Structure formats: C-alpha cells, structure tokens
C-alpha atoms as a PDB file:
ATOM      1  CA  UNK A   1      13.829 -22.917  12.205  1.00  0.00           C
ATOM      2  CA  UNK A   2      10.451 -23.183  10.492  1.00  0.00           C
ATOM      3  CA  UNK A   3      10.036 -21.192   7.284  1.00  0.00           C
ATOM      4  CA  UNK A   4       7.154 -18.733   7.295  1.00  0.00           C
ATOM      5  CA  UNK A   5       4.559 -19.507   4.601  1.00  0.00           C
ATOM      6  CA  UNK A   6       1.707 -17.522   3.136  1.00  0.00           C
ATOM      7  CA  UNK A   7       0.800 -13.870   3.353  1.00  0.00           C
ATOM      8  CA  UNK A   8       0.466 -11.923   6.611  1.00  0.00           C
ATOM      9  CA  UNK A   9      -0.828  -8.353   6.219  1.00  0.00           C
ATOM     10  CA  UNK A  10       0.836  -5.721   8.403  1.00  0.00           C
ATOM     11  CA  UNK A  11      -0.845  -2.508   7.214  1.00  0.00           C
ATOM     12  CA  UNK A  12      -3.385  -1.460   4.606  1.00  0.00           C
ATOM     13  CA  UNK A  13      -4.162   1.921   3.105  1.00  0.00           C
ATOM     14  CA  UNK A  14      -7.958   1.700   2.949  1.00  0.00           C
ATOM     15  CA  UNK A  15      -8.268   5.397   2.243  1.00  0.00           C
ATOM     16  CA  UNK A  16      -6.331   5.018  -1.030  1.00  0.00           C
ATOM     17  CA  UNK A  17      -9.161   3.079  -2.702  1.00  0.00           C
ATOM     18  CA  UNK A  18     -11.566   5.851  -1.689  1.00  0.00           C
ATOM     19  CA  UNK A  19      -9.322   8.735  -2.780  1.00  0.00           C
ATOM     20  CA  UNK A  20      -7.966   7.294  -6.058  1.00  0.00           C
ATOM     21  CA  UNK A  21      -8.975   5.341  -9.154  1.00  0.00           C
ATOM     22  CA  UNK A  22      -6.571   2.365  -9.126  1.00  0.00           C
ATOM     23  CA  UNK A  23      -5.234   1.670 -12.636  1.00  0.00           C
ATOM     24  CA  UNK A  24      -2.538  -0.980 -12.156  1.00  0.00           C
ATOM     25  CA  UNK A  25      -0.947  -2.693  -9.153  1.00  0.00           C
ATOM     26  CA  UNK A  26       2.573  -4.020  -8.587  1.00  0.00           C
ATOM     27  CA  UNK A  27       4.214  -6.108  -5.864  1.00  0.00           C
ATOM     28  CA  UNK A  28       7.600  -4.787  -4.772  1.00  0.00           C
ATOM     29  CA  UNK A  29      10.222  -5.811  -2.260  1.00  0.00           C
ATOM     30  CA  UNK A  30      11.588  -3.333   0.284  1.00  0.00           C
ATOM     31  CA  UNK A  31      15.154  -2.545   1.304  1.00  0.00           C
ATOM     32  CA  UNK A  32      14.902  -2.440   5.110  1.00  0.00           C
ATOM     33  CA  UNK A  33      17.219  -2.336   8.102  1.00  0.00           C
ATOM     34  CA  UNK A  34      17.071  -4.925  10.890  1.00  0.00           C
ATOM     35  CA  UNK A  35      15.083  -2.831  13.353  1.00  0.00           C
ATOM     36  CA  UNK A  36      12.533  -1.967  10.654  1.00  0.00           C
ATOM     37  CA  UNK A  37      11.903  -5.656  10.011  1.00  0.00           C
ATOM     38  CA  UNK A  38      11.517  -6.330  13.744  1.00  0.00           C
ATOM     39  CA  UNK A  39       9.085  -3.435  14.070  1.00  0.00           C
ATOM     40  CA  UNK A  40       7.080  -4.765  11.105  1.00  0.00           C
ATOM     41  CA  UNK A  41       7.017  -8.270  12.602  1.00  0.00           C
ATOM     42  CA  UNK A  42       5.452  -6.674  15.679  1.00  0.00           C
ATOM     43  CA  UNK A  43       2.692  -5.521  13.299  1.00  0.00           C
ATOM     44  CA  UNK A  44       3.290  -1.794  13.408  1.00  0.00           C
ATOM     45  CA  UNK A  45       3.278   0.491  10.359  1.00  0.00           C
ATOM     46  CA  UNK A  46       1.199   3.203   8.695  1.00  0.00           C
ATOM     47  CA  UNK A  47       0.800   3.790   4.953  1.00  0.00           C
ATOM     48  CA  UNK A  48      -1.545   6.776   5.198  1.00  0.00           C
ATOM     49  CA  UNK A  49       0.848   9.529   4.055  1.00  0.00           C
ATOM     50  CA  UNK A  50       2.966   7.278   1.835  1.00  0.00           C
ATOM     51  CA  UNK A  51       3.751   7.674  -1.841  1.00  0.00           C
ATOM     52  CA  UNK A  52       6.464   6.566  -4.224  1.00  0.00           C
ATOM     53  CA  UNK A  53       8.594   8.405  -6.794  1.00  0.00           C
ATOM     54  CA  UNK A  54      10.877   7.323  -9.615  1.00  0.00           C
ATOM     55  CA  UNK A  55      14.338   8.932  -9.354  1.00  0.00           C
ATOM     56  CA  UNK A  56      17.203   7.991 -11.688  1.00  0.00           C
ATOM     57  CA  UNK A  57      15.634   4.685 -12.713  1.00  0.00           C
ATOM     58  CA  UNK A  58      14.876   3.592  -9.125  1.00  0.00           C
ATOM     59  CA  UNK A  59      11.596   3.645  -7.222  1.00  0.00           C
ATOM     60  CA  UNK A  60      11.687   5.189  -3.732  1.00  0.00           C
ATOM     61  CA  UNK A  61       8.971   4.939  -1.081  1.00  0.00           C
ATOM     62  CA  UNK A  62       8.471   8.094   0.966  1.00  0.00           C
ATOM     63  CA  UNK A  63       6.275   9.089   3.881  1.00  0.00           C
ATOM     64  CA  UNK A  64       5.607   5.572   5.196  1.00  0.00           C
ATOM     65  CA  UNK A  65       5.741   5.456   8.985  1.00  0.00           C
ATOM     66  CA  UNK A  66       7.471   2.437  10.536  1.00  0.00           C
ATOM     67  CA  UNK A  67       7.833   3.213  14.267  1.00  0.00           C
ATOM     68  CA  UNK A  68      11.077   2.626  16.141  1.00  0.00           C
ATOM     69  CA  UNK A  69      11.647  -0.855  17.496  1.00  0.00           C
ATOM     70  CA  UNK A  70      10.989  -0.718  21.223  1.00  0.00           C
ATOM     71  CA  UNK A  71      13.925  -2.967  22.176  1.00  0.00           C
ATOM     72  CA  UNK A  72      16.236  -1.198  19.715  1.00  0.00           C
ATOM     73  CA  UNK A  73      19.353   0.643  20.814  1.00  0.00           C
ATOM     74  CA  UNK A  74      21.249   3.572  19.324  1.00  0.00           C
ATOM     75  CA  UNK A  75      21.081   1.728  15.983  1.00  0.00           C
ATOM     76  CA  UNK A  76      17.321   2.292  15.613  1.00  0.00           C
ATOM     77  CA  UNK A  77      16.095   3.502  12.221  1.00  0.00           C
ATOM     78  CA  UNK A  78      14.622   6.931  11.378  1.00  0.00           C
ATOM     79  CA  UNK A  79      10.830   6.632  11.473  1.00  0.00           C
ATOM     80  CA  UNK A  80       9.956   8.173   8.064  1.00  0.00           C
ATOM     81  CA  UNK A  81      13.090   7.508   6.053  1.00  0.00           C
ATOM     82  CA  UNK A  82      13.072   7.044   2.280  1.00  0.00           C
ATOM     83  CA  UNK A  83      13.115   3.340   1.374  1.00  0.00           C
ATOM     84  CA  UNK A  84      14.105   1.766  -1.925  1.00  0.00           C
ATOM     85  CA  UNK A  85      11.618  -0.513  -3.673  1.00  0.00           C
ATOM     86  CA  UNK A  86      12.772  -3.596  -5.541  1.00  0.00           C
ATOM     87  CA  UNK A  87      11.095  -4.052  -8.937  1.00  0.00           C
ATOM     88  CA  UNK A  88      12.017  -5.458 -12.341  1.00  0.00           C
ATOM     89  CA  UNK A  89      13.521  -3.040 -14.873  1.00  0.00           C
ATOM     90  CA  UNK A  90      10.478  -3.373 -17.178  1.00  0.00           C
ATOM     91  CA  UNK A  91       8.148  -2.524 -14.301  1.00  0.00           C
ATOM     92  CA  UNK A  92      10.242   0.489 -13.287  1.00  0.00           C
ATOM     93  CA  UNK A  93      10.306   1.763 -16.868  1.00  0.00           C
ATOM     94  CA  UNK A  94       6.535   1.335 -17.244  1.00  0.00           C
ATOM     95  CA  UNK A  95       5.880   3.063 -13.910  1.00  0.00           C
ATOM     96  CA  UNK A  96       8.256   5.904 -14.790  1.00  0.00           C
ATOM     97  CA  UNK A  97       6.648   6.452 -18.195  1.00  0.00           C
ATOM     98  CA  UNK A  98       3.135   6.401 -16.747  1.00  0.00           C
ATOM     99  CA  UNK A  99       3.860   8.787 -13.875  1.00  0.00           C
ATOM    100  CA  UNK A 100       5.240  11.378 -16.269  1.00  0.00           C
ATOM    101  CA  UNK A 101       1.623  11.860 -17.355  1.00  0.00           C
ATOM    102  CA  UNK A 102      -0.187  14.483 -15.349  1.00  0.00           C
ATOM    103  CA  UNK A 103      -2.466  13.277 -12.591  1.00  0.00           C
ATOM    104  CA  UNK A 104      -0.885   9.830 -12.100  1.00  0.00           C
ATOM    105  CA  UNK A 105       0.741   8.998  -8.765  1.00  0.00           C
ATOM    106  CA  UNK A 106       2.138   5.907  -7.059  1.00  0.00           C
ATOM    107  CA  UNK A 107       0.378   5.023  -3.807  1.00  0.00           C
ATOM    108  CA  UNK A 108       1.038   2.112  -1.433  1.00  0.00           C
ATOM    109  CA  UNK A 109      -1.995  -0.114  -0.892  1.00  0.00           C
ATOM    110  CA  UNK A 110      -0.759  -2.740   1.566  1.00  0.00           C
ATOM    111  CA  UNK A 111       2.365  -3.842   3.401  1.00  0.00           C
ATOM    112  CA  UNK A 112       2.735  -7.536   4.183  1.00  0.00           C
ATOM    113  CA  UNK A 113       5.053 -10.487   4.698  1.00  0.00           C
ATOM    114  CA  UNK A 114       4.987 -13.053   1.893  1.00  0.00           C
ATOM    115  CA  UNK A 115       6.871 -16.251   2.692  1.00  0.00           C
ATOM    116  CA  UNK A 116       8.859 -14.385   5.338  1.00  0.00           C
ATOM    117  CA  UNK A 117       9.868 -11.425   3.135  1.00  0.00           C
ATOM    118  CA  UNK A 118       8.510  -7.895   3.471  1.00  0.00           C
ATOM    119  CA  UNK A 119       6.559  -6.829   0.384  1.00  0.00           C
ATOM    120  CA  UNK A 120       4.502  -3.803  -0.512  1.00  0.00           C
ATOM    121  CA  UNK A 121       1.675  -3.533  -3.012  1.00  0.00           C
ATOM    122  CA  UNK A 122       1.848  -0.249  -4.894  1.00  0.00           C
ATOM    123  CA  UNK A 123      -0.582   1.101  -7.451  1.00  0.00           C
ATOM    124  CA  UNK A 124      -0.616   3.584 -10.286  1.00  0.00           C
ATOM    125  CA  UNK A 125      -3.543   5.784  -9.316  1.00  0.00           C
ATOM    126  CA  UNK A 126      -5.446   8.806 -10.556  1.00  0.00           C
ATOM    127  CA  UNK A 127      -7.094  11.111  -8.008  1.00  0.00           C
ATOM    128  CA  UNK A 128     -10.884  11.057  -7.726  1.00  0.00           C
ATOM    129  CA  UNK A 129     -12.974  14.182  -7.860  1.00  0.00           C
ATOM    130  CA  UNK A 130     -15.517  14.874  -5.090  1.00  0.00           C
ATOM    131  CA  UNK A 131     -18.456  13.849  -7.275  1.00  0.00           C
ATOM    132  CA  UNK A 132     -16.732  10.519  -8.035  1.00  0.00           C
ATOM    133  CA  UNK A 133     -16.434   9.845  -4.314  1.00  0.00           C
ATOM    134  CA  UNK A 134     -20.097  10.685  -3.761  1.00  0.00           C
ATOM    135  CA  UNK A 135     -21.145   8.393  -6.614  1.00  0.00           C
ATOM    136  CA  UNK A 136     -19.069   5.545  -5.192  1.00  0.00           C
ATOM    137  CA  UNK A 137     -20.644   5.998  -1.750  1.00  0.00           C
ATOM    138  CA  UNK A 138     -24.159   6.127  -3.249  1.00  0.00           C
ATOM    139  CA  UNK A 139     -23.516   2.966  -5.287  1.00  0.00           C
ATOM    140  CA  UNK A 140     -22.176   1.112  -2.252  1.00  0.00           C
ATOM    141  CA  UNK A 141     -25.192   2.183  -0.174  1.00  0.00           C
ATOM    142  CA  UNK A 142     -27.589   1.079  -2.932  1.00  0.00           C
ATOM    143  CA  UNK A 143     -25.846  -2.303  -3.161  1.00  0.00           C
ATOM    144  CA  UNK A 144     -26.135  -2.771   0.612  1.00  0.00           C
ATOM    145  CA  UNK A 145     -29.807  -1.836   0.516  1.00  0.00           C
ATOM    146  CA  UNK A 146     -30.453  -4.327  -2.306  1.00  0.00           C
ATOM    147  CA  UNK A 147     -28.606  -7.074  -0.422  1.00  0.00           C
ATOM    148  CA  UNK A 148     -30.679  -6.334   2.696  1.00  0.00           C
ATOM    149  CA  UNK A 149     -33.921  -6.503   0.702  1.00  0.00           C
ATOM    150  CA  UNK A 150     -32.879  -9.826  -0.866  1.00  0.00           C
ATOM    151  CA  UNK A 151     -32.011 -11.252   2.561  1.00  0.00           C
ATOM    152  CA  UNK A 152     -35.393 -10.192   3.979  1.00  0.00           C
ATOM    153  CA  UNK A 153     -37.181 -11.716   0.985  1.00  0.00           C
ATOM    154  CA  UNK A 154     -35.255 -15.004   1.335  1.00  0.00           C
ATOM    155  CA  UNK A 155     -36.098 -15.253   5.029  1.00  0.00           C
ATOM    156  CA  UNK A 156     -39.751 -14.917   4.203  1.00  0.00           C
END
C-alpha cells in the first residue's frame, strides 16, 4: 500500500482568526477511534465550537464535531466526544501555565492529515474586542483598495 505524503486539510476554523488574537500555535496528534478516522478521510468535520482544556496534565479537545461514519455499525463514535491531544510534556506545561492567565484560551485552527496521521493545529488565543475586529476589517479593506489601485495603475 502506498504511504500518504504531505498535508491534506480536512477542516479549518476561519472564524477563529477573526474572533481571537493568535499568540502561539502548536501541532498536536489526536487519539481517535476507527470510525472517526474514516469519517475524517471522507473530509467531514467542523471546528467551529471547538476548544481545548488542560486537565490533570493532559490536553483534551472538546466541542469538535466529527459526524458519524455512514457505513459504520453499532460501533460508531459519539459525534461530539472529548478527544485527547498528544503533545510533548514541555508543550503541555507551557500551555497549562499560559491558560491559567485570564483571557487566554486554546482554540483549534485546522484539522488535517500529515503523512497519513490526523493532526490538529491549536493556538493560544486572546479574545478580540469589537473595536479590534472593526479595525482589522478596515485595514483589510484599505489593503484591498490599495492593491486594486496599484493594479489599475500598472495596467495603464
């Protein structure tokens, strides 16, 4: 059987970059059951309501929706079960120490297969205020407008 190479994205949480200031990102493995992996290989998952917590020196992913495998039997997995994340001890300690601060949370950014293994990119994030979101939108719009003007000028 041919080994899978590269990175294949399954789901992204685009809203997270709008709602939070991303401080630091980590790549973590996931402890999954067989039907969860098959459902992910079919390209189905949602990270929208997901978050992670540190409990007793372990990081747990909660609220991530991986739908039931359609060809699964009675052994299908619960859709929103708590899943363990696989990280190094130093990373877990750093994440745990940082999240004890007020206003810091762990949000999933993307779920993907890397060389055939399911991985998730999580981030230490701080929530944005409404005025921060408006400033980000205004800056993006101004950048687009400037790029449009440059393109028109180049074309002549």
